[in-house]
C-alpha cells in the first residue's frame, strides 16, 4: 500500500498517537487538573486559590491568597488529592505544593 492509498486520519487521532509515543499524554492528562480546578475543589476554595501547573514529579502547584488559607488547605490536602485523583485516576497527582500568591 502506498502513502496515497491510505485513508485520511483526523488530526486529533494523529496528535494523540504522537503524544502517547513521546510520553506526553500522561502529563497533559495531569494538567487538566489546572483547567478543572474550580470544578474539582468548589467555589469556596477556588475563590482563594489558583492552580498553576503540575510539575513533572506529579506535584500540583497551587497559589493561595493568605497564609491562613494555606494552613487550612494543607490540612485538607488528603481530601483534595482524593477528589482530584478520582477525576484523573490514570495519572494521579502525588502531592500539592501550596504557595502564597504574588
PDB file of N, CA and C in Angstrom:
ATOM      1  N   UNK A   1       0.849  -1.182   0.000  1.00  0.00           N
ATOM      2  CA  UNK A   1       0.000   0.000   0.000  1.00  0.00           C
ATOM      3  C   UNK A   1       0.893   1.243   0.000  1.00  0.00           C
ATOM      4  N   UNK A   2       0.604   2.142  -0.875  1.00  0.00           N
ATOM      5  CA  UNK A   2       1.385   3.376  -0.932  1.00  0.00           C
ATOM      6  C   UNK A   2       0.781   4.419  -0.016  1.00  0.00           C
ATOM      7  N   UNK A   3       1.507   5.463   0.197  1.00  0.00           N
ATOM      8  CA  UNK A   3       1.006   6.557   1.030  1.00  0.00           C
ATOM      9  C   UNK A   3      -0.287   7.129   0.465  1.00  0.00           C
ATOM     10  N   UNK A   4      -0.401   7.129  -0.827  1.00  0.00           N
ATOM     11  CA  UNK A   4      -1.592   7.662  -1.470  1.00  0.00           C
ATOM     12  C   UNK A   4      -2.831   6.830  -1.193  1.00  0.00           C
ATOM     13  N   UNK A   5      -2.635   5.540  -0.960  1.00  0.00           N
ATOM     14  CA  UNK A   5      -3.753   4.633  -0.728  1.00  0.00           C
ATOM     15  C   UNK A   5      -4.303   4.719   0.692  1.00  0.00           C
ATOM     16  N   UNK A   6      -3.574   5.339   1.579  1.00  0.00           N
ATOM     17  CA  UNK A   6      -4.028   5.453   2.967  1.00  0.00           C
ATOM     18  C   UNK A   6      -5.208   6.397   3.078  1.00  0.00           C
ATOM     19  N   UNK A   7      -6.107   6.068   3.974  1.00  0.00           N
ATOM     20  CA  UNK A   7      -7.238   6.949   4.238  1.00  0.00           C
ATOM     21  C   UNK A   7      -6.781   8.107   5.116  1.00  0.00           C
ATOM     22  N   UNK A   8      -7.390   9.268   4.951  1.00  0.00           N
ATOM     23  CA  UNK A   8      -7.040  10.407   5.808  1.00  0.00           C
ATOM     24  C   UNK A   8      -7.390  10.105   7.269  1.00  0.00           C
ATOM     25  N   UNK A   9      -6.577  10.642   8.155  1.00  0.00           N
ATOM     26  CA  UNK A   9      -6.829  10.476   9.590  1.00  0.00           C
ATOM     27  C   UNK A   9      -7.171  11.828  10.192  1.00  0.00           C
ATOM     28  N   UNK A  10      -7.926  11.779  11.260  1.00  0.00           N
ATOM     29  CA  UNK A  10      -8.240  13.014  11.981  1.00  0.00           C
ATOM     30  C   UNK A  10      -6.992  13.500  12.698  1.00  0.00           C
ATOM     31  N   UNK A  11      -6.826  14.803  12.744  1.00  0.00           N
ATOM     32  CA  UNK A  11      -5.673  15.401  13.422  1.00  0.00           C
ATOM     33  C   UNK A  11      -5.652  14.970  14.884  1.00  0.00           C
ATOM     34  N   UNK A  12      -6.805  14.915  15.520  1.00  0.00           N
ATOM     35  CA  UNK A  12      -6.890  14.516  16.929  1.00  0.00           C
ATOM     36  C   UNK A  12      -6.312  13.117  17.135  1.00  0.00           C
ATOM     37  N   UNK A  13      -6.594  12.198  16.227  1.00  0.00           N
ATOM     38  CA  UNK A  13      -6.076  10.835  16.347  1.00  0.00           C
ATOM     39  C   UNK A  13      -4.562  10.801  16.177  1.00  0.00           C
ATOM     40  N   UNK A  14      -4.073  11.516  15.171  1.00  0.00           N
ATOM     41  CA  UNK A  14      -2.635  11.556  14.915  1.00  0.00           C
ATOM     42  C   UNK A  14      -1.913  12.202  16.085  1.00  0.00           C
ATOM     43  N   UNK A  15      -2.420  13.342  16.538  1.00  0.00           N
ATOM     44  CA  UNK A  15      -1.799  14.058  17.646  1.00  0.00           C
ATOM     45  C   UNK A  15      -1.798  13.201  18.910  1.00  0.00           C
ATOM     46  N   UNK A  16      -2.920  12.545  19.196  1.00  0.00           N
ATOM     47  CA  UNK A  16      -2.990  11.675  20.365  1.00  0.00           C
ATOM     48  C   UNK A  16      -1.962  10.563  20.310  1.00  0.00           C
ATOM     49  N   UNK A  17      -1.795   9.968  19.149  1.00  0.00           N
ATOM     50  CA  UNK A  17      -0.813   8.892  18.980  1.00  0.00           C
ATOM     51  C   UNK A  17       0.620   9.410  19.172  1.00  0.00           C
ATOM     52  N   UNK A  18       0.913  10.555  18.588  1.00  0.00           N
ATOM     53  CA  UNK A  18       2.251  11.137  18.718  1.00  0.00           C
ATOM     54  C   UNK A  18       2.555  11.492  20.177  1.00  0.00           C
ATOM     55  N   UNK A  19       1.591  12.107  20.853  1.00  0.00           N
ATOM     56  CA  UNK A  19       1.794  12.476  22.257  1.00  0.00           C
ATOM     57  C   UNK A  19       2.020  11.235  23.116  1.00  0.00           C
ATOM     58  N   UNK A  20       1.275  10.186  22.846  1.00  0.00           N
ATOM     59  CA  UNK A  20       1.441   8.937  23.591  1.00  0.00           C
ATOM     60  C   UNK A  20       2.825   8.342  23.337  1.00  0.00           C
ATOM     61  N   UNK A  21       3.253   8.321  22.088  1.00  0.00           N
ATOM     62  CA  UNK A  21       4.565   7.771  21.732  1.00  0.00           C
ATOM     63  C   UNK A  21       5.693   8.557  22.383  1.00  0.00           C
ATOM     64  N   UNK A  22       5.522   9.841  22.502  1.00  0.00           N
ATOM     65  CA  UNK A  22       6.566  10.699  23.085  1.00  0.00           C
ATOM     66  C   UNK A  22       6.496  10.778  24.608  1.00  0.00           C
ATOM     67  N   UNK A  23       5.455  10.186  25.179  1.00  0.00           N
ATOM     68  CA  UNK A  23       5.336  10.171  26.632  1.00  0.00           C
ATOM     69  C   UNK A  23       4.688  11.407  27.239  1.00  0.00           C
ATOM     70  N   UNK A  24       4.006  12.206  26.432  1.00  0.00           N
ATOM     71  CA  UNK A  24       3.406  13.444  26.928  1.00  0.00           C
ATOM     72  C   UNK A  24       1.934  13.301  27.294  1.00  0.00           C
ATOM     73  N   UNK A  25       1.309  12.236  26.900  1.00  0.00           N
ATOM     74  CA  UNK A  25      -0.135  12.085  27.125  1.00  0.00           C
ATOM     75  C   UNK A  25      -0.481  12.140  28.612  1.00  0.00           C
ATOM     76  N   UNK A  26       0.298  11.466  29.442  1.00  0.00           N
ATOM     77  CA  UNK A  26       0.050  11.469  30.884  1.00  0.00           C
ATOM     78  C   UNK A  26       0.184  12.852  31.491  1.00  0.00           C
ATOM     79  N   UNK A  27       1.187  13.589  31.050  1.00  0.00           N
ATOM     80  CA  UNK A  27       1.394  14.952  31.569  1.00  0.00           C
ATOM     81  C   UNK A  27       0.227  15.857  31.169  1.00  0.00           C
ATOM     82  N   UNK A  28      -0.249  15.701  29.947  1.00  0.00           N
ATOM     83  CA  UNK A  28      -1.396  16.507  29.517  1.00  0.00           C
ATOM     84  C   UNK A  28      -2.626  16.157  30.333  1.00  0.00           C
ATOM     85  N   UNK A  29      -2.804  14.882  30.597  1.00  0.00           N
ATOM     86  CA  UNK A  29      -3.937  14.435  31.409  1.00  0.00           C
ATOM     87  C   UNK A  29      -3.847  15.051  32.808  1.00  0.00           C
ATOM     88  N   UNK A  30      -2.654  15.021  33.402  1.00  0.00           N
ATOM     89  CA  UNK A  30      -2.480  15.609  34.729  1.00  0.00           C
ATOM     90  C   UNK A  30      -2.773  17.104  34.714  1.00  0.00           C
ATOM     91  N   UNK A  31      -2.354  17.790  33.693  1.00  0.00           N
ATOM     92  CA  UNK A  31      -2.532  19.243  33.655  1.00  0.00           C
ATOM     93  C   UNK A  31      -3.973  19.664  33.414  1.00  0.00           C
ATOM     94  N   UNK A  32      -4.835  18.726  33.080  1.00  0.00           N
ATOM     95  CA  UNK A  32      -6.269  19.027  33.025  1.00  0.00           C
ATOM     96  C   UNK A  32      -6.765  19.508  34.383  1.00  0.00           C
ATOM     97  N   UNK A  33      -6.091  19.050  35.434  1.00  0.00           N
ATOM     98  CA  UNK A  33      -6.461  19.447  36.795  1.00  0.00           C
ATOM     99  C   UNK A  33      -6.400  20.964  36.937  1.00  0.00           C
ATOM    100  N   UNK A  34      -5.431  21.595  36.308  1.00  0.00           N
ATOM    101  CA  UNK A  34      -5.286  23.050  36.382  1.00  0.00           C
ATOM    102  C   UNK A  34      -6.523  23.715  35.777  1.00  0.00           C
ATOM    103  N   UNK A  35      -6.948  23.234  34.628  1.00  0.00           N
ATOM    104  CA  UNK A  35      -8.117  23.815  33.958  1.00  0.00           C
ATOM    105  C   UNK A  35      -9.402  23.546  34.731  1.00  0.00           C
ATOM    106  N   UNK A  36      -9.495  22.404  35.375  1.00  0.00           N
ATOM    107  CA  UNK A  36     -10.723  21.986  36.057  1.00  0.00           C
ATOM    108  C   UNK A  36     -10.706  22.241  37.565  1.00  0.00           C
ATOM    109  N   UNK A  37      -9.716  22.981  38.029  1.00  0.00           N
ATOM    110  CA  UNK A  37      -9.518  23.213  39.455  1.00  0.00           C
ATOM    111  C   UNK A  37     -10.796  23.670  40.163  1.00  0.00           C
ATOM    112  N   UNK A  38     -11.445  24.691  39.649  1.00  0.00           N
ATOM    113  CA  UNK A  38     -12.640  25.240  40.311  1.00  0.00           C
ATOM    114  C   UNK A  38     -13.745  24.194  40.433  1.00  0.00           C
ATOM    115  N   UNK A  39     -13.937  23.403  39.403  1.00  0.00           N
ATOM    116  CA  UNK A  39     -14.969  22.359  39.464  1.00  0.00           C
ATOM    117  C   UNK A  39     -14.589  21.263  40.453  1.00  0.00           C
ATOM    118  N   UNK A  40     -13.308  20.969  40.550  1.00  0.00           N
ATOM    119  CA  UNK A  40     -12.852  19.894  41.433  1.00  0.00           C
ATOM    120  C   UNK A  40     -12.930  20.276  42.911  1.00  0.00           C
ATOM    121  N   UNK A  41     -12.567  21.522  43.240  1.00  0.00           N
ATOM    122  CA  UNK A  41     -12.495  21.915  44.656  1.00  0.00           C
ATOM    123  C   UNK A  41     -13.690  22.737  45.119  1.00  0.00           C
ATOM    124  N   UNK A  42     -14.499  23.222  44.184  1.00  0.00           N
ATOM    125  CA  UNK A  42     -15.656  24.030  44.555  1.00  0.00           C
ATOM    126  C   UNK A  42     -15.336  25.515  44.594  1.00  0.00           C
ATOM    127  N   UNK A  43     -16.400  26.305  44.568  1.00  0.00           N
ATOM    128  CA  UNK A  43     -16.265  27.765  44.505  1.00  0.00           C
ATOM    129  C   UNK A  43     -15.560  28.363  45.715  1.00  0.00           C
ATOM    130  N   UNK A  44     -15.851  27.830  46.902  1.00  0.00           N
ATOM    131  CA  UNK A  44     -15.306  28.390  48.137  1.00  0.00           C
ATOM    132  C   UNK A  44     -13.771  28.362  48.128  1.00  0.00           C
ATOM    133  N   UNK A  45     -13.198  27.230  47.776  1.00  0.00           N
ATOM    134  CA  UNK A  45     -11.738  27.106  47.719  1.00  0.00           C
ATOM    135  C   UNK A  45     -11.188  27.798  46.474  1.00  0.00           C
ATOM    136  N   UNK A  46     -11.895  27.691  45.370  1.00  0.00           N
ATOM    137  CA  UNK A  46     -11.426  28.307  44.123  1.00  0.00           C
ATOM    138  C   UNK A  46     -11.301  29.828  44.240  1.00  0.00           C
ATOM    139  N   UNK A  47     -12.117  30.445  45.090  1.00  0.00           N
ATOM    140  CA  UNK A  47     -12.046  31.899  45.278  1.00  0.00           C
ATOM    141  C   UNK A  47     -10.717  32.359  45.879  1.00  0.00           C
ATOM    142  N   UNK A  48     -10.077  31.494  46.645  1.00  0.00           N
ATOM    143  CA  UNK A  48      -8.855  31.893  47.342  1.00  0.00           C
ATOM    144  C   UNK A  48      -7.614  31.182  46.825  1.00  0.00           C
ATOM    145  N   UNK A  49      -7.771  30.427  45.743  1.00  0.00           N
ATOM    146  CA  UNK A  49      -6.638  29.670  45.200  1.00  0.00           C
ATOM    147  C   UNK A  49      -6.577  29.792  43.687  1.00  0.00           C
ATOM    148  N   UNK A  50      -5.419  29.399  43.161  1.00  0.00           N
ATOM    149  CA  UNK A  50      -5.247  29.316  41.710  1.00  0.00           C
ATOM    150  C   UNK A  50      -4.280  28.159  41.439  1.00  0.00           C
ATOM    151  N   UNK A  51      -4.760  27.133  40.744  1.00  0.00           N
ATOM    152  CA  UNK A  51      -3.881  26.030  40.347  1.00  0.00           C
ATOM    153  C   UNK A  51      -2.974  26.554  39.242  1.00  0.00           C
ATOM    154  N   UNK A  52      -1.682  26.355  39.409  1.00  0.00           N
ATOM    155  CA  UNK A  52      -0.708  26.917  38.464  1.00  0.00           C
ATOM    156  C   UNK A  52      -0.264  25.905  37.412  1.00  0.00           C
ATOM    157  N   UNK A  53       0.282  24.773  37.871  1.00  0.00           N
ATOM    158  CA  UNK A  53       0.863  23.790  36.957  1.00  0.00           C
ATOM    159  C   UNK A  53       1.080  22.488  37.713  1.00  0.00           C
ATOM    160  N   UNK A  54       1.190  21.413  36.966  1.00  0.00           N
ATOM    161  CA  UNK A  54       1.604  20.141  37.555  1.00  0.00           C
ATOM    162  C   UNK A  54       3.054  19.926  37.133  1.00  0.00           C
ATOM    163  N   UNK A  55       3.940  19.831  38.107  1.00  0.00           N
ATOM    164  CA  UNK A  55       5.355  19.614  37.840  1.00  0.00           C
ATOM    165  C   UNK A  55       5.579  18.188  37.325  1.00  0.00           C
ATOM    166  N   UNK A  56       6.697  17.938  36.663  1.00  0.00           N
ATOM    167  CA  UNK A  56       6.971  16.597  36.130  1.00  0.00           C
ATOM    168  C   UNK A  56       6.969  15.488  37.187  1.00  0.00           C
ATOM    169  N   UNK A  57       7.189  15.838  38.436  1.00  0.00           N
ATOM    170  CA  UNK A  57       7.182  14.831  39.502  1.00  0.00           C
ATOM    171  C   UNK A  57       5.788  14.618  40.096  1.00  0.00           C
ATOM    172  N   UNK A  58       4.757  15.012  39.359  1.00  0.00           N
ATOM    173  CA  UNK A  58       3.345  14.830  39.752  1.00  0.00           C
ATOM    174  C   UNK A  58       2.937  15.652  40.967  1.00  0.00           C
ATOM    175  N   UNK A  59       3.593  16.785  41.166  1.00  0.00           N
ATOM    176  CA  UNK A  59       3.238  17.708  42.244  1.00  0.00           C
ATOM    177  C   UNK A  59       2.460  18.870  41.632  1.00  0.00           C
ATOM    178  N   UNK A  60       1.269  19.101  42.164  1.00  0.00           N
ATOM    179  CA  UNK A  60       0.430  20.212  41.726  1.00  0.00           C
ATOM    180  C   UNK A  60       0.821  21.460  42.506  1.00  0.00           C
ATOM    181  N   UNK A  61       1.126  22.533  41.818  1.00  0.00           N
ATOM    182  CA  UNK A  61       1.492  23.798  42.449  1.00  0.00           C
ATOM    183  C   UNK A  61       0.233  24.669  42.483  1.00  0.00           C
ATOM    184  N   UNK A  62      -0.132  25.110  43.684  1.00  0.00           N
ATOM    185  CA  UNK A  62      -1.344  25.916  43.862  1.00  0.00           C
ATOM    186  C   UNK A  62      -0.992  27.178  44.643  1.00  0.00           C
ATOM    187  N   UNK A  63      -1.373  28.333  44.091  1.00  0.00           N
ATOM    188  CA  UNK A  63      -1.179  29.612  44.789  1.00  0.00           C
ATOM    189  C   UNK A  63      -2.402  29.883  45.658  1.00  0.00           C
ATOM    190  N   UNK A  64      -2.136  30.438  46.842  1.00  0.00           N
ATOM    191  CA  UNK A  64      -3.187  30.691  47.835  1.00  0.00           C
ATOM    192  C   UNK A  64      -3.093  32.150  48.265  1.00  0.00           C
ATOM    193  N   UNK A  65      -4.251  32.789  48.498  1.00  0.00           N
ATOM    194  CA  UNK A  65      -4.285  34.223  48.830  1.00  0.00           C
ATOM    195  C   UNK A  65      -3.641  34.568  50.166  1.00  0.00           C
ATOM    196  N   UNK A  66      -3.853  33.744  51.215  1.00  0.00           N
ATOM    197  CA  UNK A  66      -3.316  34.080  52.540  1.00  0.00           C
ATOM    198  C   UNK A  66      -2.667  32.864  53.181  1.00  0.00           C
ATOM    199  N   UNK A  67      -1.797  33.131  54.135  1.00  0.00           N
ATOM    200  CA  UNK A  67      -1.143  32.027  54.848  1.00  0.00           C
ATOM    201  C   UNK A  67      -2.145  31.266  55.714  1.00  0.00           C
ATOM    202  N   UNK A  68      -3.181  31.950  56.198  1.00  0.00           N
ATOM    203  CA  UNK A  68      -4.205  31.262  56.985  1.00  0.00           C
ATOM    204  C   UNK A  68      -4.922  30.222  56.116  1.00  0.00           C
ATOM    205  N   UNK A  69      -5.265  30.611  54.903  1.00  0.00           N
ATOM    206  CA  UNK A  69      -5.894  29.661  53.986  1.00  0.00           C
ATOM    207  C   UNK A  69      -4.924  28.539  53.621  1.00  0.00           C
ATOM    208  N   UNK A  70      -3.666  28.881  53.478  1.00  0.00           N
ATOM    209  CA  UNK A  70      -2.661  27.874  53.134  1.00  0.00           C
ATOM    210  C   UNK A  70      -2.593  26.796  54.219  1.00  0.00           C
ATOM    211  N   UNK A  71      -2.655  27.202  55.474  1.00  0.00           N
ATOM    212  CA  UNK A  71      -2.650  26.245  56.586  1.00  0.00           C
ATOM    213  C   UNK A  71      -3.896  25.369  56.563  1.00  0.00           C
ATOM    214  N   UNK A  72      -5.031  25.981  56.322  1.00  0.00           N
ATOM    215  CA  UNK A  72      -6.298  25.245  56.256  1.00  0.00           C
ATOM    216  C   UNK A  72      -6.277  24.228  55.119  1.00  0.00           C
ATOM    217  N   UNK A  73      -5.797  24.653  53.962  1.00  0.00           N
ATOM    218  CA  UNK A  73      -5.763  23.766  52.806  1.00  0.00           C
ATOM    219  C   UNK A  73      -4.758  22.633  52.972  1.00  0.00           C
ATOM    220  N   UNK A  74      -3.678  22.895  53.672  1.00  0.00           N
ATOM    221  CA  UNK A  74      -2.717  21.827  53.941  1.00  0.00           C
ATOM    222  C   UNK A  74      -3.378  20.706  54.745  1.00  0.00           C
ATOM    223  N   UNK A  75      -4.267  21.070  55.659  1.00  0.00           N
ATOM    224  CA  UNK A  75      -4.997  20.060  56.432  1.00  0.00           C
ATOM    225  C   UNK A  75      -6.001  19.300  55.557  1.00  0.00           C
ATOM    226  N   UNK A  76      -6.529  19.972  54.559  1.00  0.00           N
ATOM    227  CA  UNK A  76      -7.499  19.352  53.652  1.00  0.00           C
ATOM    228  C   UNK A  76      -6.853  18.622  52.478  1.00  0.00           C
ATOM    229  N   UNK A  77      -5.532  18.676  52.389  1.00  0.00           N
ATOM    230  CA  UNK A  77      -4.828  18.121  51.230  1.00  0.00           C
ATOM    231  C   UNK A  77      -5.188  16.666  50.910  1.00  0.00           C
ATOM    232  N   UNK A  78      -5.246  15.753  51.891  1.00  0.00           N
ATOM    233  CA  UNK A  78      -5.611  14.367  51.541  1.00  0.00           C
ATOM    234  C   UNK A  78      -6.978  14.264  50.865  1.00  0.00           C
ATOM    235  N   UNK A  79      -7.919  15.040  51.355  1.00  0.00           N
ATOM    236  CA  UNK A  79      -9.264  15.034  50.780  1.00  0.00           C
ATOM    237  C   UNK A  79      -9.270  15.634  49.370  1.00  0.00           C
ATOM    238  N   UNK A  80      -8.529  16.722  49.187  1.00  0.00           N
ATOM    239  CA  UNK A  80      -8.445  17.369  47.874  1.00  0.00           C
ATOM    240  C   UNK A  80      -7.758  16.440  46.875  1.00  0.00           C
ATOM    241  N   UNK A  81      -6.670  15.795  47.303  1.00  0.00           N
ATOM    242  CA  UNK A  81      -5.975  14.846  46.426  1.00  0.00           C
ATOM    243  C   UNK A  81      -6.889  13.694  46.011  1.00  0.00           C
ATOM    244  N   UNK A  82      -7.659  13.188  46.950  1.00  0.00           N
ATOM    245  CA  UNK A  82      -8.580  12.087  46.639  1.00  0.00           C
ATOM    246  C   UNK A  82      -9.590  12.527  45.576  1.00  0.00           C
ATOM    247  N   UNK A  83     -10.112  13.727  45.703  1.00  0.00           N
ATOM    248  CA  UNK A  83     -11.076  14.255  44.729  1.00  0.00           C
ATOM    249  C   UNK A  83     -10.423  14.407  43.361  1.00  0.00           C
ATOM    250  N   UNK A  84      -9.243  14.991  43.334  1.00  0.00           N
ATOM    251  CA  UNK A  84      -8.519  15.188  42.072  1.00  0.00           C
ATOM    252  C   UNK A  84      -8.229  13.846  41.415  1.00  0.00           C
ATOM    253  N   UNK A  85      -7.741  12.901  42.192  1.00  0.00           N
ATOM    254  CA  UNK A  85      -7.318  11.629  41.617  1.00  0.00           C
ATOM    255  C   UNK A  85      -8.483  10.744  41.198  1.00  0.00           C
ATOM    256  N   UNK A  86      -9.657  10.993  41.726  1.00  0.00           N
ATOM    257  CA  UNK A  86     -10.848  10.310  41.197  1.00  0.00           C
ATOM    258  C   UNK A  86     -11.145  10.805  39.783  1.00  0.00           C
ATOM    259  N   UNK A  87     -10.838  12.064  39.517  1.00  0.00           N
ATOM    260  CA  UNK A  87     -11.087  12.644  38.198  1.00  0.00           C
ATOM    261  C   UNK A  87     -10.018  12.239  37.180  1.00  0.00           C
ATOM    262  N   UNK A  88      -8.798  11.965  37.639  1.00  0.00           N
ATOM    263  CA  UNK A  88      -7.701  11.590  36.736  1.00  0.00           C
ATOM    264  C   UNK A  88      -6.976  10.360  37.290  1.00  0.00           C
ATOM    265  N   UNK A  89      -7.643   9.215  37.389  1.00  0.00           N
ATOM    266  CA  UNK A  89      -7.051   8.043  38.037  1.00  0.00           C
ATOM    267  C   UNK A  89      -5.843   7.451  37.314  1.00  0.00           C
ATOM    268  N   UNK A  90      -5.757   7.608  36.015  1.00  0.00           N
ATOM    269  CA  UNK A  90      -4.650   7.007  35.266  1.00  0.00           C
ATOM    270  C   UNK A  90      -3.323   7.719  35.526  1.00  0.00           C
ATOM    271  N   UNK A  91      -3.389   8.976  35.901  1.00  0.00           N
ATOM    272  CA  UNK A  91      -2.175   9.777  36.129  1.00  0.00           C
ATOM    273  C   UNK A  91      -2.356  10.599  37.402  1.00  0.00           C
ATOM    274  N   UNK A  92      -2.249   9.964  38.562  1.00  0.00           N
ATOM    275  CA  UNK A  92      -2.562  10.657  39.819  1.00  0.00           C
ATOM    276  C   UNK A  92      -1.565  11.760  40.173  1.00  0.00           C
ATOM    277  N   UNK A  93      -2.083  12.730  40.903  1.00  0.00           N
ATOM    278  CA  UNK A  93      -1.263  13.784  41.491  1.00  0.00           C
ATOM    279  C   UNK A  93      -0.768  13.232  42.821  1.00  0.00           C
ATOM    280  N   UNK A  94       0.521  13.339  43.072  1.00  0.00           N
ATOM    281  CA  UNK A  94       1.120  12.763  44.283  1.00  0.00           C
ATOM    282  C   UNK A  94       1.042  13.696  45.489  1.00  0.00           C
ATOM    283  N   UNK A  95       1.169  15.000  45.226  1.00  0.00           N
ATOM    284  CA  UNK A  95       1.244  15.969  46.320  1.00  0.00           C
ATOM    285  C   UNK A  95       0.809  17.332  45.794  1.00  0.00           C
ATOM    286  N   UNK A  96       0.424  18.193  46.719  1.00  0.00           N
ATOM    287  CA  UNK A  96       0.126  19.585  46.364  1.00  0.00           C
ATOM    288  C   UNK A  96       1.128  20.470  47.094  1.00  0.00           C
ATOM    289  N   UNK A  97       1.748  21.374  46.351  1.00  0.00           N
ATOM    290  CA  UNK A  97       2.638  22.361  46.973  1.00  0.00           C
ATOM    291  C   UNK A  97       1.892  23.680  47.001  1.00  0.00           C
ATOM    292  N   UNK A  98       1.627  24.154  48.207  1.00  0.00           N
ATOM    293  CA  UNK A  98       0.906  25.403  48.411  1.00  0.00           C
ATOM    294  C   UNK A  98       1.904  26.539  48.475  1.00  0.00           C
ATOM    295  N   UNK A  99       1.609  27.632  47.815  1.00  0.00           N
ATOM    296  CA  UNK A  99       2.476  28.822  47.861  1.00  0.00           C
ATOM    297  C   UNK A  99       1.606  30.064  47.900  1.00  0.00           C
ATOM    298  N   UNK A 100       2.129  31.113  48.509  1.00  0.00           N
ATOM    299  CA  UNK A 100       1.385  32.371  48.590  1.00  0.00           C
ATOM    300  C   UNK A 100       1.341  33.037  47.209  1.00  0.00           C
ATOM    301  N   UNK A 101       0.175  33.613  46.888  1.00  0.00           N
ATOM    302  CA  UNK A 101       0.038  34.336  45.625  1.00  0.00           C
ATOM    303  C   UNK A 101       0.942  35.548  45.617  1.00  0.00           C
ATOM    304  N   UNK A 102       1.391  35.888  44.459  1.00  0.00           N
ATOM    305  CA  UNK A 102       2.237  37.067  44.302  1.00  0.00           C
ATOM    306  C   UNK A 102       1.479  38.137  43.593  1.00  0.00           C
TER     307      UNK A 102
END
